[in-house]
Amino acid sequence: MEYIYAAMVLHAAKKPINEENINKVLQAAGINVDSTRAKALVAALEGINIEEAIKTAAPIAPAAAPAVAPAPEKKEEKKKEEDEKKEEAAVEGLASLFG
């Protein structure tokens, strides 16, 4: 994973993503570099438009987060409505006692 992060850092810094630069980033982070993995990453990224890949992957995360958040609110709202209805019914019942 750290090799991909190194490539992302290089991309953000607008530096060429090559084996030498990946090695420098990883070594600066205190990671022992496996030159085979660095070479494989460079080969895998060859011809890939990283900016386009980021744009297509980015909308996935924000879309998932809001779908989870509203669910508890709906449950709370329903519970509040049910409680209010019960209170109203109790008040009506008491009112009928006193005519």
N, C-alpha and C. Protein backbone atom coordinates (compact mmCIF):
# COMPACT_ATOMS: atom_id res chain seq x y z
N MET A 1 0.82 -1.18 0.00
CA MET A 1 0.00 0.00 0.00
C MET A 1 0.88 1.26 0.00
N GLU A 2 1.99 1.20 0.71
CA GLU A 2 2.85 2.38 0.79
C GLU A 2 3.42 2.76 -0.58
N TYR A 3 3.53 1.80 -1.48
CA TYR A 3 4.04 2.10 -2.82
C TYR A 3 3.01 2.93 -3.59
N ILE A 4 1.75 2.61 -3.41
CA ILE A 4 0.69 3.38 -4.07
C ILE A 4 0.63 4.79 -3.48
N TYR A 5 0.77 4.88 -2.15
CA TYR A 5 0.79 6.19 -1.53
C TYR A 5 1.95 7.03 -2.05
N ALA A 6 3.09 6.41 -2.22
CA ALA A 6 4.25 7.12 -2.75
C ALA A 6 3.93 7.65 -4.15
N ALA A 7 3.27 6.85 -4.96
CA ALA A 7 2.90 7.29 -6.30
C ALA A 7 1.90 8.45 -6.23
N MET A 8 0.98 8.40 -5.27
CA MET A 8 0.00 9.48 -5.12
C MET A 8 0.69 10.78 -4.68
N VAL A 9 1.68 10.66 -3.79
CA VAL A 9 2.42 11.84 -3.36
C VAL A 9 3.17 12.44 -4.54
N LEU A 10 3.80 11.61 -5.32
CA LEU A 10 4.52 12.10 -6.49
C LEU A 10 3.56 12.76 -7.48
N HIS A 11 2.40 12.17 -7.67
CA HIS A 11 1.41 12.75 -8.58
C HIS A 11 0.95 14.12 -8.07
N ALA A 12 0.67 14.21 -6.77
CA ALA A 12 0.23 15.47 -6.18
C ALA A 12 1.31 16.54 -6.29
N ALA A 13 2.56 16.13 -6.20
CA ALA A 13 3.68 17.06 -6.31
C ALA A 13 4.06 17.34 -7.77
N LYS A 14 3.33 16.73 -8.68
CA LYS A 14 3.58 16.87 -10.12
C LYS A 14 5.01 16.47 -10.51
N LYS A 15 5.45 15.39 -9.85
CA LYS A 15 6.76 14.81 -10.15
C LYS A 15 6.55 13.53 -10.95
N PRO A 16 7.52 13.15 -11.76
CA PRO A 16 7.38 11.91 -12.53
C PRO A 16 7.31 10.69 -11.61
N ILE A 17 6.39 9.81 -11.95
CA ILE A 17 6.26 8.58 -11.16
C ILE A 17 7.15 7.53 -11.81
N ASN A 18 8.35 7.42 -11.26
CA ASN A 18 9.29 6.43 -11.77
C ASN A 18 9.91 5.72 -10.57
N GLU A 19 10.65 4.69 -10.86
CA GLU A 19 11.22 3.85 -9.80
C GLU A 19 12.12 4.65 -8.86
N GLU A 20 12.92 5.52 -9.42
CA GLU A 20 13.85 6.31 -8.61
C GLU A 20 13.10 7.22 -7.63
N ASN A 21 12.06 7.90 -8.11
CA ASN A 21 11.31 8.80 -7.24
C ASN A 21 10.50 8.04 -6.19
N ILE A 22 9.94 6.91 -6.55
CA ILE A 22 9.22 6.10 -5.57
C ILE A 22 10.17 5.64 -4.47
N ASN A 23 11.37 5.21 -4.88
CA ASN A 23 12.38 4.80 -3.89
C ASN A 23 12.72 5.94 -2.95
N LYS A 24 12.88 7.16 -3.48
CA LYS A 24 13.22 8.31 -2.65
C LYS A 24 12.11 8.62 -1.63
N VAL A 25 10.86 8.59 -2.08
CA VAL A 25 9.74 8.88 -1.19
C VAL A 25 9.67 7.84 -0.07
N LEU A 26 9.79 6.58 -0.44
CA LEU A 26 9.69 5.52 0.56
C LEU A 26 10.86 5.55 1.54
N GLN A 27 12.06 5.81 1.03
CA GLN A 27 13.23 5.89 1.90
C GLN A 27 13.10 7.08 2.85
N ALA A 28 12.54 8.19 2.37
CA ALA A 28 12.34 9.37 3.22
C ALA A 28 11.35 9.05 4.35
N ALA A 29 10.45 8.13 4.09
CA ALA A 29 9.47 7.73 5.11
C ALA A 29 10.02 6.63 6.02
N GLY A 30 11.24 6.19 5.76
CA GLY A 30 11.86 5.18 6.61
C GLY A 30 11.45 3.76 6.25
N ILE A 31 11.03 3.54 5.03
CA ILE A 31 10.59 2.22 4.59
C ILE A 31 11.69 1.57 3.76
N ASN A 32 11.97 0.30 4.06
CA ASN A 32 12.93 -0.45 3.24
C ASN A 32 12.27 -0.76 1.91
N VAL A 33 12.90 -0.32 0.86
CA VAL A 33 12.31 -0.42 -0.47
C VAL A 33 12.63 -1.75 -1.12
N ASP A 34 11.58 -2.36 -1.68
CA ASP A 34 11.74 -3.56 -2.50
C ASP A 34 11.69 -3.08 -3.95
N SER A 35 12.83 -3.08 -4.60
CA SER A 35 12.90 -2.51 -5.95
C SER A 35 12.00 -3.24 -6.94
N THR A 36 11.74 -4.52 -6.70
CA THR A 36 10.85 -5.28 -7.58
C THR A 36 9.43 -4.73 -7.50
N ARG A 37 8.98 -4.42 -6.29
CA ARG A 37 7.62 -3.87 -6.12
C ARG A 37 7.52 -2.48 -6.73
N ALA A 38 8.56 -1.67 -6.55
CA ALA A 38 8.56 -0.32 -7.12
C ALA A 38 8.52 -0.40 -8.64
N LYS A 39 9.31 -1.31 -9.20
CA LYS A 39 9.35 -1.47 -10.66
C LYS A 39 8.00 -1.97 -11.18
N ALA A 40 7.37 -2.89 -10.44
CA ALA A 40 6.06 -3.41 -10.84
C ALA A 40 4.99 -2.33 -10.81
N LEU A 41 5.05 -1.47 -9.81
CA LEU A 41 4.08 -0.38 -9.72
C LEU A 41 4.23 0.58 -10.88
N VAL A 42 5.45 0.95 -11.19
CA VAL A 42 5.70 1.86 -12.31
C VAL A 42 5.18 1.25 -13.60
N ALA A 43 5.41 -0.04 -13.79
CA ALA A 43 4.93 -0.72 -14.99
C ALA A 43 3.40 -0.75 -15.01
N ALA A 44 2.78 -0.98 -13.87
CA ALA A 44 1.31 -1.05 -13.81
C ALA A 44 0.67 0.31 -14.07
N LEU A 45 1.34 1.38 -13.67
CA LEU A 45 0.78 2.72 -13.85
C LEU A 45 1.07 3.32 -15.22
N GLU A 46 1.91 2.64 -15.98
CA GLU A 46 2.25 3.15 -17.30
C GLU A 46 0.99 3.20 -18.17
N GLY A 47 0.71 4.37 -18.71
CA GLY A 47 -0.46 4.52 -19.58
C GLY A 47 -1.75 4.81 -18.82
N ILE A 48 -1.68 4.87 -17.50
CA ILE A 48 -2.87 5.16 -16.69
C ILE A 48 -2.95 6.66 -16.44
N ASN A 49 -4.13 7.23 -16.66
CA ASN A 49 -4.36 8.63 -16.35
C ASN A 49 -4.80 8.70 -14.88
N ILE A 50 -3.86 9.02 -14.01
CA ILE A 50 -4.13 9.00 -12.58
C ILE A 50 -5.20 10.02 -12.20
N GLU A 51 -5.16 11.17 -12.80
CA GLU A 51 -6.16 12.21 -12.50
C GLU A 51 -7.57 11.71 -12.83
N GLU A 52 -7.71 11.05 -13.94
CA GLU A 52 -9.02 10.50 -14.33
C GLU A 52 -9.45 9.37 -13.38
N ALA A 53 -8.50 8.55 -12.98
CA ALA A 53 -8.80 7.46 -12.04
C ALA A 53 -9.27 8.02 -10.70
N ILE A 54 -8.67 9.10 -10.26
CA ILE A 54 -9.07 9.73 -9.00
C ILE A 54 -10.48 10.30 -9.12
N LYS A 55 -10.77 10.95 -10.23
CA LYS A 55 -12.09 11.55 -10.44
C LYS A 55 -13.19 10.50 -10.47
N THR A 56 -12.93 9.36 -11.08
CA THR A 56 -13.96 8.33 -11.17
C THR A 56 -14.13 7.59 -9.85
N ALA A 57 -13.08 7.53 -9.04
CA ALA A 57 -13.17 6.83 -7.76
C ALA A 57 -13.70 7.73 -6.66
N ALA A 58 -13.49 9.03 -6.74
CA ALA A 58 -13.86 9.96 -5.68
C ALA A 58 -15.36 9.99 -5.37
N PRO A 59 -16.28 9.99 -6.33
CA PRO A 59 -17.70 10.08 -5.99
C PRO A 59 -18.24 8.88 -5.21
N ILE A 60 -17.55 7.79 -5.22
CA ILE A 60 -18.03 6.60 -4.54
C ILE A 60 -18.12 6.81 -3.03
N ALA A 61 -17.10 7.36 -2.42
CA ALA A 61 -17.08 7.53 -0.97
C ALA A 61 -18.14 8.52 -0.47
N PRO A 62 -18.25 9.73 -1.02
CA PRO A 62 -19.26 10.64 -0.51
C PRO A 62 -20.69 10.14 -0.69
N ALA A 63 -20.96 9.40 -1.73
CA ALA A 63 -22.31 8.91 -1.95
C ALA A 63 -22.71 7.87 -0.91
N ALA A 64 -21.76 7.11 -0.43
CA ALA A 64 -22.07 6.07 0.55
C ALA A 64 -22.33 6.65 1.94
N ALA A 65 -21.63 7.69 2.30
CA ALA A 65 -21.76 8.24 3.65
C ALA A 65 -23.16 8.79 3.95
N PRO A 66 -23.77 9.62 3.10
CA PRO A 66 -25.09 10.15 3.43
C PRO A 66 -26.17 9.08 3.52
N ALA A 67 -26.03 8.00 2.81
CA ALA A 67 -27.05 6.95 2.84
C ALA A 67 -27.15 6.32 4.22
N VAL A 68 -26.07 6.32 4.96
CA VAL A 68 -26.06 5.72 6.28
C VAL A 68 -26.60 6.70 7.33
N ALA A 69 -26.29 7.96 7.21
CA ALA A 69 -26.63 8.95 8.24
C ALA A 69 -28.14 9.17 8.41
N PRO A 70 -28.96 9.32 7.37
CA PRO A 70 -30.37 9.63 7.58
C PRO A 70 -31.18 8.53 8.26
N ALA A 71 -30.76 7.31 8.18
CA ALA A 71 -31.55 6.22 8.74
C ALA A 71 -31.85 6.39 10.23
N PRO A 72 -30.88 6.72 11.08
CA PRO A 72 -31.21 6.90 12.50
C PRO A 72 -32.17 8.06 12.73
N GLU A 73 -32.07 9.12 11.95
CA GLU A 73 -32.95 10.26 12.12
C GLU A 73 -34.40 9.86 11.86
N LYS A 74 -34.63 9.06 10.84
CA LYS A 74 -35.98 8.64 10.52
C LYS A 74 -36.57 7.82 11.66
N LYS A 75 -35.76 6.93 12.24
CA LYS A 75 -36.23 6.11 13.35
C LYS A 75 -36.57 6.99 14.54
N GLU A 76 -35.71 7.98 14.81
CA GLU A 76 -35.95 8.88 15.93
C GLU A 76 -37.22 9.69 15.69
N GLU A 77 -37.41 10.17 14.44
CA GLU A 77 -38.60 10.95 14.13
C GLU A 77 -39.85 10.10 14.31
N LYS A 78 -39.83 8.87 13.84
CA LYS A 78 -40.99 7.98 13.98
C LYS A 78 -41.28 7.73 15.46
N LYS A 79 -40.23 7.54 16.24
CA LYS A 79 -40.40 7.27 17.66
C LYS A 79 -41.01 8.49 18.34
N LYS A 80 -40.54 9.69 17.98
CA LYS A 80 -41.07 10.92 18.56
C LYS A 80 -42.55 11.08 18.20
N GLU A 81 -42.88 10.81 16.94
CA GLU A 81 -44.27 10.92 16.50
C GLU A 81 -45.16 9.95 17.26
N GLU A 82 -44.69 8.72 17.44
CA GLU A 82 -45.46 7.72 18.18
C GLU A 82 -45.66 8.15 19.63
N ASP A 83 -44.60 8.70 20.24
CA ASP A 83 -44.71 9.18 21.61
C ASP A 83 -45.71 10.32 21.72
N GLU A 84 -45.66 11.24 20.74
CA GLU A 84 -46.60 12.36 20.75
C GLU A 84 -48.04 11.88 20.60
N LYS A 85 -48.27 10.90 19.76
CA LYS A 85 -49.61 10.36 19.57
C LYS A 85 -50.12 9.70 20.86
N LYS A 86 -49.22 8.99 21.54
CA LYS A 86 -49.60 8.36 22.81
C LYS A 86 -49.96 9.42 23.85
N GLU A 87 -49.20 10.50 23.90
CA GLU A 87 -49.48 11.57 24.85
C GLU A 87 -50.82 12.24 24.54
N GLU A 88 -51.08 12.47 23.25
CA GLU A 88 -52.34 13.07 22.84
C GLU A 88 -53.52 12.18 23.23
N ALA A 89 -53.36 10.88 23.02
CA ALA A 89 -54.42 9.95 23.38
C ALA A 89 -54.65 9.94 24.89
N ALA A 90 -53.59 10.03 25.65
CA ALA A 90 -53.72 10.05 27.11
C ALA A 90 -54.42 11.32 27.56
N VAL A 91 -54.08 12.46 26.95
CA VAL A 91 -54.71 13.72 27.30
C VAL A 91 -56.20 13.68 26.95
N GLU A 92 -56.52 13.14 25.79
CA GLU A 92 -57.93 13.02 25.39
C GLU A 92 -58.70 12.13 26.36
N GLY A 93 -58.08 11.05 26.78
CA GLY A 93 -58.73 10.14 27.74
C GLY A 93 -58.99 10.85 29.06
N LEU A 94 -58.04 11.63 29.53
CA LEU A 94 -58.22 12.37 30.79
C LEU A 94 -59.29 13.45 30.62
N ALA A 95 -59.32 14.08 29.47
CA ALA A 95 -60.30 15.14 29.24
C ALA A 95 -61.72 14.57 29.27
N SER A 96 -61.89 13.35 28.77
CA SER A 96 -63.23 12.77 28.75
C SER A 96 -63.71 12.43 30.16
N LEU A 97 -62.80 12.24 31.09
CA LEU A 97 -63.18 11.96 32.47
C LEU A 97 -63.82 13.17 33.14
N PHE A 98 -63.34 14.34 32.72
CA PHE A 98 -63.83 15.56 33.35
C PHE A 98 -64.89 16.28 32.51
N GLY A 99 -65.31 15.64 31.45
CA GLY A 99 -66.41 16.05 30.62
C GLY A 99 -66.34 17.36 30.04
